[in-house]
Amino acid sequence: MRKIYMSAKCSDNFFALLEEDGMKDREFEGNIPSWFPDEHYGDYVMFDIDLDTGQILNWTPPTKEQVEKTFGKAEALPVIDSANLDEKLHKIFNKEKADG
C-alpha cells in the first residue's frame, strides 16, 4: 500500500461546513474538533491517505453527539405552505431585484 501522511497547521483558522441530506446546514470555526484523528492539539489536521484509493485511513466517523457538540443541534425547518409557491417566490425575487 502506498500512503501519504498529511499534516496541516490551522491554528484557530479551522472551518467546516456540515451538509446533511444535500443541504448545507451548519458551520464551525475555531480549533480542530477533538474527534479528529491523531494528537492534533486543536491546531493540526492530520490524515493518513491511501494513494491508490483516496481513502483516509485514520478516520473514525464521529458520533451524532460529537457532531452536535461541534456544530450545534439542527433546528427544525419551518413548514412551507406550498399553495401558490411559484407565485410567492416570484414576488420575493422580483422585490429583491427592485430593491437591489
PDB file of N, CA and C in Angstrom:
ATOM      1  N   MET A   1       0.850  -1.188   0.000  1.00  0.00           N
ATOM      2  CA  MET A   1       0.000   0.000   0.000  1.00  0.00           C
ATOM      3  C   MET A   1       0.890   1.244   0.000  1.00  0.00           C
ATOM      4  N   ARG A   2       0.505   2.203  -0.815  1.00  0.00           N
ATOM      5  CA  ARG A   2       1.206   3.490  -0.851  1.00  0.00           C
ATOM      6  C   ARG A   2       0.399   4.478  -0.017  1.00  0.00           C
ATOM      7  N   LYS A   3       1.071   5.165   0.916  1.00  0.00           N
ATOM      8  CA  LYS A   3       0.383   6.093   1.808  1.00  0.00           C
ATOM      9  C   LYS A   3       1.055   7.459   1.765  1.00  0.00           C
ATOM     10  N   ILE A   4       0.252   8.453   2.054  1.00  0.00           N
ATOM     11  CA  ILE A   4       0.790   9.786   2.300  1.00  0.00           C
ATOM     12  C   ILE A   4       0.297  10.202   3.679  1.00  0.00           C
ATOM     13  N   TYR A   5       1.186  10.741   4.458  1.00  0.00           N
ATOM     14  CA  TYR A   5       0.845  11.253   5.781  1.00  0.00           C
ATOM     15  C   TYR A   5       0.768  12.761   5.667  1.00  0.00           C
ATOM     16  N   MET A   6      -0.397  13.307   5.919  1.00  0.00           N
ATOM     17  CA  MET A   6      -0.631  14.732   5.724  1.00  0.00           C
ATOM     18  C   MET A   6      -0.847  15.406   7.070  1.00  0.00           C
ATOM     19  N   SER A   7      -0.227  16.553   7.251  1.00  0.00           N
ATOM     20  CA  SER A   7      -0.432  17.359   8.445  1.00  0.00           C
ATOM     21  C   SER A   7      -0.465  18.813   8.010  1.00  0.00           C
ATOM     22  N   ALA A   8      -1.475  19.535   8.468  1.00  0.00           N
ATOM     23  CA  ALA A   8      -1.594  20.952   8.136  1.00  0.00           C
ATOM     24  C   ALA A   8      -1.938  21.723   9.400  1.00  0.00           C
ATOM     25  N   LYS A   9      -1.202  22.774   9.672  1.00  0.00           N
ATOM     26  CA  LYS A   9      -1.448  23.582  10.863  1.00  0.00           C
ATOM     27  C   LYS A   9      -2.502  24.635  10.558  1.00  0.00           C
ATOM     28  N   CYS A  10      -3.539  24.651  11.378  1.00  0.00           N
ATOM     29  CA  CYS A  10      -4.646  25.594  11.187  1.00  0.00           C
ATOM     30  C   CYS A  10      -4.631  26.730  12.205  1.00  0.00           C
ATOM     31  N   SER A  11      -4.144  26.480  13.410  1.00  0.00           N
ATOM     32  CA  SER A  11      -4.043  27.493  14.471  1.00  0.00           C
ATOM     33  C   SER A  11      -5.286  28.380  14.570  1.00  0.00           C
ATOM     34  N   ASP A  12      -6.363  27.833  15.011  1.00  0.00           N
ATOM     35  CA  ASP A  12      -7.627  28.558  15.226  1.00  0.00           C
ATOM     36  C   ASP A  12      -8.277  29.041  13.936  1.00  0.00           C
ATOM     37  N   ASN A  13      -7.775  28.621  12.777  1.00  0.00           N
ATOM     38  CA  ASN A  13      -8.352  29.025  11.499  1.00  0.00           C
ATOM     39  C   ASN A  13      -9.147  27.902  10.848  1.00  0.00           C
ATOM     40  N   PHE A  14      -9.462  26.866  11.607  1.00  0.00           N
ATOM     41  CA  PHE A  14     -10.199  25.728  11.063  1.00  0.00           C
ATOM     42  C   PHE A  14     -11.627  26.144  10.747  1.00  0.00           C
ATOM     43  N   PHE A  15     -12.123  25.712   9.589  1.00  0.00           N
ATOM     44  CA  PHE A  15     -13.503  25.987   9.185  1.00  0.00           C
ATOM     45  C   PHE A  15     -14.088  24.705   8.619  1.00  0.00           C
ATOM     46  N   ALA A  16     -15.318  24.399   8.992  1.00  0.00           N
ATOM     47  CA  ALA A  16     -16.010  23.229   8.442  1.00  0.00           C
ATOM     48  C   ALA A  16     -17.464  23.599   8.191  1.00  0.00           C
ATOM     49  N   LEU A  17     -17.995  23.082   7.103  1.00  0.00           N
ATOM     50  CA  LEU A  17     -19.391  23.275   6.736  1.00  0.00           C
ATOM     51  C   LEU A  17     -20.046  21.906   6.724  1.00  0.00           C
ATOM     52  N   LEU A  18     -21.071  21.740   7.526  1.00  0.00           N
ATOM     53  CA  LEU A  18     -21.767  20.461   7.628  1.00  0.00           C
ATOM     54  C   LEU A  18     -22.909  20.422   6.626  1.00  0.00           C
ATOM     55  N   GLU A  19     -22.936  19.372   5.823  1.00  0.00           N
ATOM     56  CA  GLU A  19     -24.019  19.164   4.863  1.00  0.00           C
ATOM     57  C   GLU A  19     -24.756  17.901   5.260  1.00  0.00           C
ATOM     58  N   GLU A  20     -26.063  18.011   5.417  1.00  0.00           N
ATOM     59  CA  GLU A  20     -26.897  16.854   5.725  1.00  0.00           C
ATOM     60  C   GLU A  20     -28.059  16.827   4.750  1.00  0.00           C
ATOM     61  N   ASP A  21     -28.309  15.668   4.193  1.00  0.00           N
ATOM     62  CA  ASP A  21     -29.413  15.480   3.246  1.00  0.00           C
ATOM     63  C   ASP A  21     -29.352  16.475   2.096  1.00  0.00           C
ATOM     64  N   GLY A  22     -28.137  16.762   1.622  1.00  0.00           N
ATOM     65  CA  GLY A  22     -27.968  17.641   0.476  1.00  0.00           C
ATOM     66  C   GLY A  22     -28.103  19.122   0.788  1.00  0.00           C
ATOM     67  N   MET A  23     -28.290  19.472   2.065  1.00  0.00           N
ATOM     68  CA  MET A  23     -28.454  20.873   2.453  1.00  0.00           C
ATOM     69  C   MET A  23     -27.242  21.317   3.272  1.00  0.00           C
ATOM     70  N   LYS A  24     -26.614  22.407   2.874  1.00  0.00           N
ATOM     71  CA  LYS A  24     -25.530  22.968   3.676  1.00  0.00           C
ATOM     72  C   LYS A  24     -26.198  23.580   4.899  1.00  0.00           C
ATOM     73  N   ASP A  25     -25.877  23.021   6.039  1.00  0.00           N
ATOM     74  CA  ASP A  25     -26.692  23.233   7.216  1.00  0.00           C
ATOM     75  C   ASP A  25     -26.054  24.125   8.278  1.00  0.00           C
ATOM     76  N   ARG A  26     -24.873  23.748   8.745  1.00  0.00           N
ATOM     77  CA  ARG A  26     -24.268  24.452   9.875  1.00  0.00           C
ATOM     78  C   ARG A  26     -22.771  24.610   9.652  1.00  0.00           C
ATOM     79  N   GLU A  27     -22.212  25.658  10.248  1.00  0.00           N
ATOM     80  CA  GLU A  27     -20.791  25.946  10.116  1.00  0.00           C
ATOM     81  C   GLU A  27     -20.109  25.878  11.470  1.00  0.00           C
ATOM     82  N   PHE A  28     -18.801  25.647  11.433  1.00  0.00           N
ATOM     83  CA  PHE A  28     -17.990  25.673  12.642  1.00  0.00           C
ATOM     84  C   PHE A  28     -16.672  26.340  12.310  1.00  0.00           C
ATOM     85  N   GLU A  29     -16.214  27.220  13.201  1.00  0.00           N
ATOM     86  CA  GLU A  29     -14.904  27.853  13.084  1.00  0.00           C
ATOM     87  C   GLU A  29     -14.217  27.764  14.432  1.00  0.00           C
ATOM     88  N   GLY A  30     -12.908  27.553  14.421  1.00  0.00           N
ATOM     89  CA  GLY A  30     -12.157  27.523  15.674  1.00  0.00           C
ATOM     90  C   GLY A  30     -11.071  26.476  15.639  1.00  0.00           C
ATOM     91  N   ASN A  31     -10.843  25.831  16.792  1.00  0.00           N
ATOM     92  CA  ASN A  31      -9.840  24.774  16.881  1.00  0.00           C
ATOM     93  C   ASN A  31     -10.360  23.499  16.237  1.00  0.00           C
ATOM     94  N   ILE A  32      -9.433  22.623  15.876  1.00  0.00           N
ATOM     95  CA  ILE A  32      -9.800  21.328  15.307  1.00  0.00           C
ATOM     96  C   ILE A  32     -10.642  20.573  16.339  1.00  0.00           C
ATOM     97  N   PRO A  33     -11.789  20.036  15.942  1.00  0.00           N
ATOM     98  CA  PRO A  33     -12.612  19.279  16.892  1.00  0.00           C
ATOM     99  C   PRO A  33     -11.843  18.101  17.495  1.00  0.00           C
ATOM    100  N   SER A  34     -12.135  17.800  18.742  1.00  0.00           N
ATOM    101  CA  SER A  34     -11.399  16.752  19.466  1.00  0.00           C
ATOM    102  C   SER A  34     -11.552  15.381  18.832  1.00  0.00           C
ATOM    103  N   TRP A  35     -12.608  15.166  18.056  1.00  0.00           N
ATOM    104  CA  TRP A  35     -12.848  13.853  17.457  1.00  0.00           C
ATOM    105  C   TRP A  35     -12.085  13.632  16.149  1.00  0.00           C
ATOM    106  N   PHE A  36     -11.317  14.610  15.706  1.00  0.00           N
ATOM    107  CA  PHE A  36     -10.472  14.406  14.531  1.00  0.00           C
ATOM    108  C   PHE A  36      -9.315  13.488  14.893  1.00  0.00           C
ATOM    109  N   PRO A  37      -8.738  12.778  13.908  1.00  0.00           N
ATOM    110  CA  PRO A  37      -7.717  11.777  14.214  1.00  0.00           C
ATOM    111  C   PRO A  37      -6.390  12.361  14.709  1.00  0.00           C
ATOM    112  N   ASP A  38      -5.675  11.522  15.450  1.00  0.00           N
ATOM    113  CA  ASP A  38      -4.314  11.746  15.912  1.00  0.00           C
ATOM    114  C   ASP A  38      -4.225  12.835  16.988  1.00  0.00           C
ATOM    115  N   GLU A  39      -3.033  13.055  17.454  1.00  0.00           N
ATOM    116  CA  GLU A  39      -2.751  14.044  18.504  1.00  0.00           C
ATOM    117  C   GLU A  39      -2.579  15.406  17.843  1.00  0.00           C
ATOM    118  N   HIS A  40      -3.666  16.067  17.562  1.00  0.00           N
ATOM    119  CA  HIS A  40      -3.615  17.312  16.783  1.00  0.00           C
ATOM    120  C   HIS A  40      -3.540  18.564  17.632  1.00  0.00           C
ATOM    121  N   TYR A  41      -3.761  18.444  18.934  1.00  0.00           N
ATOM    122  CA  TYR A  41      -3.652  19.564  19.878  1.00  0.00           C
ATOM    123  C   TYR A  41      -4.541  20.743  19.506  1.00  0.00           C
ATOM    124  N   GLY A  42      -5.585  20.498  18.728  1.00  0.00           N
ATOM    125  CA  GLY A  42      -6.509  21.557  18.339  1.00  0.00           C
ATOM    126  C   GLY A  42      -6.011  22.438  17.217  1.00  0.00           C
ATOM    127  N   ASP A  43      -4.788  22.200  16.748  1.00  0.00           N
ATOM    128  CA  ASP A  43      -4.192  23.072  15.737  1.00  0.00           C
ATOM    129  C   ASP A  43      -3.862  22.391  14.412  1.00  0.00           C
ATOM    130  N   TYR A  44      -3.840  21.064  14.381  1.00  0.00           N
ATOM    131  CA  TYR A  44      -3.380  20.348  13.188  1.00  0.00           C
ATOM    132  C   TYR A  44      -4.454  19.430  12.628  1.00  0.00           C
ATOM    133  N   VAL A  45      -4.581  19.402  11.312  1.00  0.00           N
ATOM    134  CA  VAL A  45      -5.380  18.391  10.623  1.00  0.00           C
ATOM    135  C   VAL A  45      -4.374  17.351  10.167  1.00  0.00           C
ATOM    136  N   MET A  46      -4.594  16.090  10.591  1.00  0.00           N
ATOM    137  CA  MET A  46      -3.622  15.039  10.296  1.00  0.00           C
ATOM    138  C   MET A  46      -4.352  13.828   9.732  1.00  0.00           C
ATOM    139  N   PHE A  47      -4.037  13.500   8.483  1.00  0.00           N
ATOM    140  CA  PHE A  47      -4.672  12.360   7.830  1.00  0.00           C
ATOM    141  C   PHE A  47      -3.621  11.447   7.221  1.00  0.00           C
ATOM    142  N   ASP A  48      -3.890  10.149   7.269  1.00  0.00           N
ATOM    143  CA  ASP A  48      -3.113   9.140   6.555  1.00  0.00           C
ATOM    144  C   ASP A  48      -3.979   8.712   5.369  1.00  0.00           C
ATOM    145  N   ILE A  49      -3.472   8.882   4.161  1.00  0.00           N
ATOM    146  CA  ILE A  49      -4.278   8.660   2.962  1.00  0.00           C
ATOM    147  C   ILE A  49      -3.675   7.553   2.107  1.00  0.00           C
ATOM    148  N   ASP A  50      -4.508   6.612   1.703  1.00  0.00           N
ATOM    149  CA  ASP A  50      -4.113   5.564   0.763  1.00  0.00           C
ATOM    150  C   ASP A  50      -4.062   6.208  -0.622  1.00  0.00           C
ATOM    151  N   LEU A  51      -2.883   6.279  -1.214  1.00  0.00           N
ATOM    152  CA  LEU A  51      -2.714   6.953  -2.503  1.00  0.00           C
ATOM    153  C   LEU A  51      -3.457   6.271  -3.648  1.00  0.00           C
ATOM    154  N   ASP A  52      -3.705   4.986  -3.525  1.00  0.00           N
ATOM    155  CA  ASP A  52      -4.359   4.266  -4.621  1.00  0.00           C
ATOM    156  C   ASP A  52      -5.874   4.375  -4.593  1.00  0.00           C
ATOM    157  N   THR A  53      -6.443   4.522  -3.403  1.00  0.00           N
ATOM    158  CA  THR A  53      -7.910   4.578  -3.302  1.00  0.00           C
ATOM    159  C   THR A  53      -8.440   5.943  -2.879  1.00  0.00           C
ATOM    160  N   GLY A  54      -7.587   6.775  -2.295  1.00  0.00           N
ATOM    161  CA  GLY A  54      -8.035   8.063  -1.781  1.00  0.00           C
ATOM    162  C   GLY A  54      -8.682   7.971  -0.410  1.00  0.00           C
ATOM    163  N   GLN A  55      -8.729   6.767   0.156  1.00  0.00           N
ATOM    164  CA  GLN A  55      -9.351   6.560   1.466  1.00  0.00           C
ATOM    165  C   GLN A  55      -8.505   7.206   2.563  1.00  0.00           C
ATOM    166  N   ILE A  56      -9.179   7.842   3.515  1.00  0.00           N
ATOM    167  CA  ILE A  56      -8.498   8.348   4.705  1.00  0.00           C
ATOM    168  C   ILE A  56      -8.428   7.185   5.683  1.00  0.00           C
ATOM    169  N   LEU A  57      -7.226   6.739   5.970  1.00  0.00           N
ATOM    170  CA  LEU A  57      -7.030   5.507   6.723  1.00  0.00           C
ATOM    171  C   LEU A  57      -7.229   5.673   8.224  1.00  0.00           C
ATOM    172  N   ASN A  58      -6.999   6.851   8.759  1.00  0.00           N
ATOM    173  CA  ASN A  58      -7.097   7.036  10.203  1.00  0.00           C
ATOM    174  C   ASN A  58      -8.376   7.766  10.621  1.00  0.00           C
ATOM    175  N   TRP A  59      -9.387   7.724   9.797  1.00  0.00           N
ATOM    176  CA  TRP A  59     -10.660   8.399  10.098  1.00  0.00           C
ATOM    177  C   TRP A  59     -11.610   7.447  10.799  1.00  0.00           C
ATOM    178  N   THR A  60     -12.173   7.906  11.906  1.00  0.00           N
ATOM    179  CA  THR A  60     -13.233   7.190  12.605  1.00  0.00           C
ATOM    180  C   THR A  60     -14.459   8.094  12.568  1.00  0.00           C
ATOM    181  N   PRO A  61     -15.577   7.640  12.019  1.00  0.00           N
ATOM    182  CA  PRO A  61     -16.757   8.503  11.946  1.00  0.00           C
ATOM    183  C   PRO A  61     -17.160   9.020  13.331  1.00  0.00           C
ATOM    184  N   PRO A  62     -17.455  10.309  13.427  1.00  0.00           N
ATOM    185  CA  PRO A  62     -17.864  10.865  14.721  1.00  0.00           C
ATOM    186  C   PRO A  62     -19.273  10.409  15.089  1.00  0.00           C
ATOM    187  N   THR A  63     -19.555  10.436  16.374  1.00  0.00           N
ATOM    188  CA  THR A  63     -20.901  10.122  16.845  1.00  0.00           C
ATOM    189  C   THR A  63     -21.810  11.324  16.586  1.00  0.00           C
ATOM    190  N   LYS A  64     -23.091  11.091  16.649  1.00  0.00           N
ATOM    191  CA  LYS A  64     -24.063  12.180  16.492  1.00  0.00           C
ATOM    192  C   LYS A  64     -23.824  13.242  17.567  1.00  0.00           C
ATOM    193  N   GLU A  65     -23.501  12.794  18.785  1.00  0.00           N
ATOM    194  CA  GLU A  65     -23.249  13.724  19.888  1.00  0.00           C
ATOM    195  C   GLU A  65     -22.021  14.588  19.623  1.00  0.00           C
ATOM    196  N   GLN A  66     -20.965  13.989  19.059  1.00  0.00           N
ATOM    197  CA  GLN A  66     -19.760  14.756  18.741  1.00  0.00           C
ATOM    198  C   GLN A  66     -20.053  15.814  17.681  1.00  0.00           C
ATOM    199  N   VAL A  67     -20.821  15.445  16.675  1.00  0.00           N
ATOM    200  CA  VAL A  67     -21.176  16.398  15.622  1.00  0.00           C
ATOM    201  C   VAL A  67     -22.021  17.527  16.196  1.00  0.00           C
ATOM    202  N   GLU A  68     -22.993  17.197  17.045  1.00  0.00           N
ATOM    203  CA  GLU A  68     -23.844  18.229  17.647  1.00  0.00           C
ATOM    204  C   GLU A  68     -23.041  19.138  18.571  1.00  0.00           C
ATOM    205  N   LYS A  69     -22.072  18.577  19.291  1.00  0.00           N
ATOM    206  CA  LYS A  69     -21.236  19.403  20.167  1.00  0.00           C
ATOM    207  C   LYS A  69     -20.419  20.395  19.340  1.00  0.00           C
ATOM    208  N   THR A  70     -19.961  19.965  18.178  1.00  0.00           N
ATOM    209  CA  THR A  70     -19.144  20.821  17.319  1.00  0.00           C
ATOM    210  C   THR A  70     -19.987  21.843  16.561  1.00  0.00           C
ATOM    211  N   PHE A  71     -21.058  21.385  15.935  1.00  0.00           N
ATOM    212  CA  PHE A  71     -21.837  22.240  15.033  1.00  0.00           C
ATOM    213  C   PHE A  71     -23.115  22.781  15.654  1.00  0.00           C
ATOM    214  N   GLY A  72     -23.510  22.275  16.821  1.00  0.00           N
ATOM    215  CA  GLY A  72     -24.787  22.646  17.412  1.00  0.00           C
ATOM    216  C   GLY A  72     -25.878  21.746  16.872  1.00  0.00           C
ATOM    217  N   LYS A  73     -27.010  21.778  17.525  1.00  0.00           N
ATOM    218  CA  LYS A  73     -28.126  20.931  17.093  1.00  0.00           C
ATOM    219  C   LYS A  73     -28.807  21.541  15.880  1.00  0.00           C
ATOM    220  N   ALA A  74     -29.304  20.656  15.026  1.00  0.00           N
ATOM    221  CA  ALA A  74     -30.057  21.120  13.853  1.00  0.00           C
ATOM    222  C   ALA A  74     -31.384  21.688  14.325  1.00  0.00           C
ATOM    223  N   GLU A  75     -31.784  22.762  13.710  1.00  0.00           N
ATOM    224  CA  GLU A  75     -33.082  23.345  14.023  1.00  0.00           C
ATOM    225  C   GLU A  75     -34.108  22.810  13.050  1.00  0.00           C
ATOM    226  N   ALA A  76     -35.326  22.675  13.543  1.00  0.00           N
ATOM    227  CA  ALA A  76     -36.412  22.221  12.670  1.00  0.00           C
ATOM    228  C   ALA A  76     -36.651  23.282  11.607  1.00  0.00           C
ATOM    229  N   LEU A  77     -36.833  22.837  10.392  1.00  0.00           N
ATOM    230  CA  LEU A  77     -37.116  23.759   9.300  1.00  0.00           C
ATOM    231  C   LEU A  77     -38.570  24.221   9.378  1.00  0.00           C
ATOM    232  N   PRO A  78     -38.828  25.455   9.005  1.00  0.00           N
ATOM    233  CA  PRO A  78     -40.214  25.918   9.038  1.00  0.00           C
ATOM    234  C   PRO A  78     -41.065  25.164   8.023  1.00  0.00           C
ATOM    235  N   VAL A  79     -42.300  25.000   8.359  1.00  0.00           N
ATOM    236  CA  VAL A  79     -43.234  24.347   7.443  1.00  0.00           C
ATOM    237  C   VAL A  79     -43.587  25.351   6.355  1.00  0.00           C
ATOM    238  N   ILE A  80     -43.488  24.914   5.121  1.00  0.00           N
ATOM    239  CA  ILE A  80     -43.763  25.803   3.990  1.00  0.00           C
ATOM    240  C   ILE A  80     -45.124  25.456   3.414  1.00  0.00           C
ATOM    241  N   ASP A  81     -45.952  26.467   3.293  1.00  0.00           N
ATOM    242  CA  ASP A  81     -47.245  26.290   2.644  1.00  0.00           C
ATOM    243  C   ASP A  81     -46.982  26.303   1.146  1.00  0.00           C
ATOM    244  N   SER A  82     -47.139  25.158   0.513  1.00  0.00           N
ATOM    245  CA  SER A  82     -46.773  25.050  -0.894  1.00  0.00           C
ATOM    246  C   SER A  82     -47.834  25.604  -1.843  1.00  0.00           C
ATOM    247  N   ALA A  83     -48.967  25.999  -1.320  1.00  0.00           N
ATOM    248  CA  ALA A  83     -50.005  26.584  -2.182  1.00  0.00           C
ATOM    249  C   ALA A  83     -49.474  27.890  -2.767  1.00  0.00           C
ATOM    250  N   ASN A  84     -49.536  28.017  -4.053  1.00  0.00           N
ATOM    251  CA  ASN A  84     -49.090  29.222  -4.766  1.00  0.00           C
ATOM    252  C   ASN A  84     -47.605  29.531  -4.525  1.00  0.00           C
ATOM    253  N   LEU A  85     -46.813  28.502  -4.334  1.00  0.00           N
ATOM    254  CA  LEU A  85     -45.393  28.701  -4.027  1.00  0.00           C
ATOM    255  C   LEU A  85     -44.676  29.431  -5.155  1.00  0.00           C
ATOM    256  N   ASP A  86     -44.948  29.078  -6.398  1.00  0.00           N
ATOM    257  CA  ASP A  86     -44.294  29.760  -7.517  1.00  0.00           C
ATOM    258  C   ASP A  86     -44.598  31.252  -7.502  1.00  0.00           C
ATOM    259  N   GLU A  87     -45.842  31.596  -7.242  1.00  0.00           N
ATOM    260  CA  GLU A  87     -46.241  32.995  -7.198  1.00  0.00           C
ATOM    261  C   GLU A  87     -45.541  33.728  -6.057  1.00  0.00           C
ATOM    262  N   LYS A  88     -45.464  33.084  -4.887  1.00  0.00           N
ATOM    263  CA  LYS A  88     -44.804  33.704  -3.735  1.00  0.00           C
ATOM    264  C   LYS A  88     -43.320  33.925  -4.012  1.00  0.00           C
ATOM    265  N   LEU A  89     -42.658  32.921  -4.589  1.00  0.00           N
ATOM    266  CA  LEU A  89     -41.239  33.055  -4.897  1.00  0.00           C
ATOM    267  C   LEU A  89     -41.009  34.147  -5.934  1.00  0.00           C
ATOM    268  N   HIS A  90     -41.869  34.214  -6.923  1.00  0.00           N
ATOM    269  CA  HIS A  90     -41.765  35.238  -7.953  1.00  0.00           C
ATOM    270  C   HIS A  90     -41.837  36.631  -7.313  1.00  0.00           C
ATOM    271  N   LYS A  91     -42.766  36.829  -6.384  1.00  0.00           N
ATOM    272  CA  LYS A  91     -42.895  38.128  -5.710  1.00  0.00           C
ATOM    273  C   LYS A  91     -41.649  38.447  -4.898  1.00  0.00           C
ATOM    274  N   ILE A  92     -41.120  37.455  -4.178  1.00  0.00           N
ATOM    275  CA  ILE A  92     -39.929  37.681  -3.348  1.00  0.00           C
ATOM    276  C   ILE A  92     -38.754  38.070  -4.217  1.00  0.00           C
ATOM    277  N   PHE A  93     -38.479  37.302  -5.268  1.00  0.00           N
ATOM    278  CA  PHE A  93     -37.297  37.569  -6.084  1.00  0.00           C
ATOM    279  C   PHE A  93     -37.461  38.858  -6.897  1.00  0.00           C
ATOM    280  N   ASN A  94     -38.640  39.175  -7.341  1.00  0.00           N
ATOM    281  CA  ASN A  94     -38.838  40.413  -8.075  1.00  0.00           C
ATOM    282  C   ASN A  94     -38.684  41.609  -7.149  1.00  0.00           C
ATOM    283  N   LYS A  95     -39.108  41.492  -5.875  1.00  0.00           N
ATOM    284  CA  LYS A  95     -38.944  42.564  -4.910  1.00  0.00           C
ATOM    285  C   LYS A  95     -37.453  42.784  -4.638  1.00  0.00           C
ATOM    286  N   GLU A  96     -36.690  41.684  -4.481  1.00  0.00           N
ATOM    287  CA  GLU A  96     -35.251  41.821  -4.244  1.00  0.00           C
ATOM    288  C   GLU A  96     -34.568  42.504  -5.413  1.00  0.00           C
ATOM    289  N   LYS A  97     -34.958  42.199  -6.637  1.00  0.00           N
ATOM    290  CA  LYS A  97     -34.361  42.841  -7.816  1.00  0.00           C
ATOM    291  C   LYS A  97     -34.691  44.320  -7.843  1.00  0.00           C
ATOM    292  N   ALA A  98     -35.942  44.660  -7.480  1.00  0.00           N
ATOM    293  CA  ALA A  98     -36.354  46.063  -7.474  1.00  0.00           C
ATOM    294  C   ALA A  98     -35.633  46.834  -6.376  1.00  0.00           C
ATOM    295  N   ASP A  99     -35.389  46.186  -5.219  1.00  0.00           N
ATOM    296  CA  ASP A  99     -34.713  46.835  -4.100  1.00  0.00           C
ATOM    297  C   ASP A  99     -33.214  46.973  -4.343  1.00  0.00           C
ATOM    298  N   GLY A 100     -32.636  46.013  -5.115  1.00  0.00           N
ATOM    299  CA  GLY A 100     -31.180  45.942  -5.319  1.00  0.00           C
ATOM    300  C   GLY A 100     -30.708  46.934  -6.275  1.00  0.00           C
TER     301      GLY A 100
END
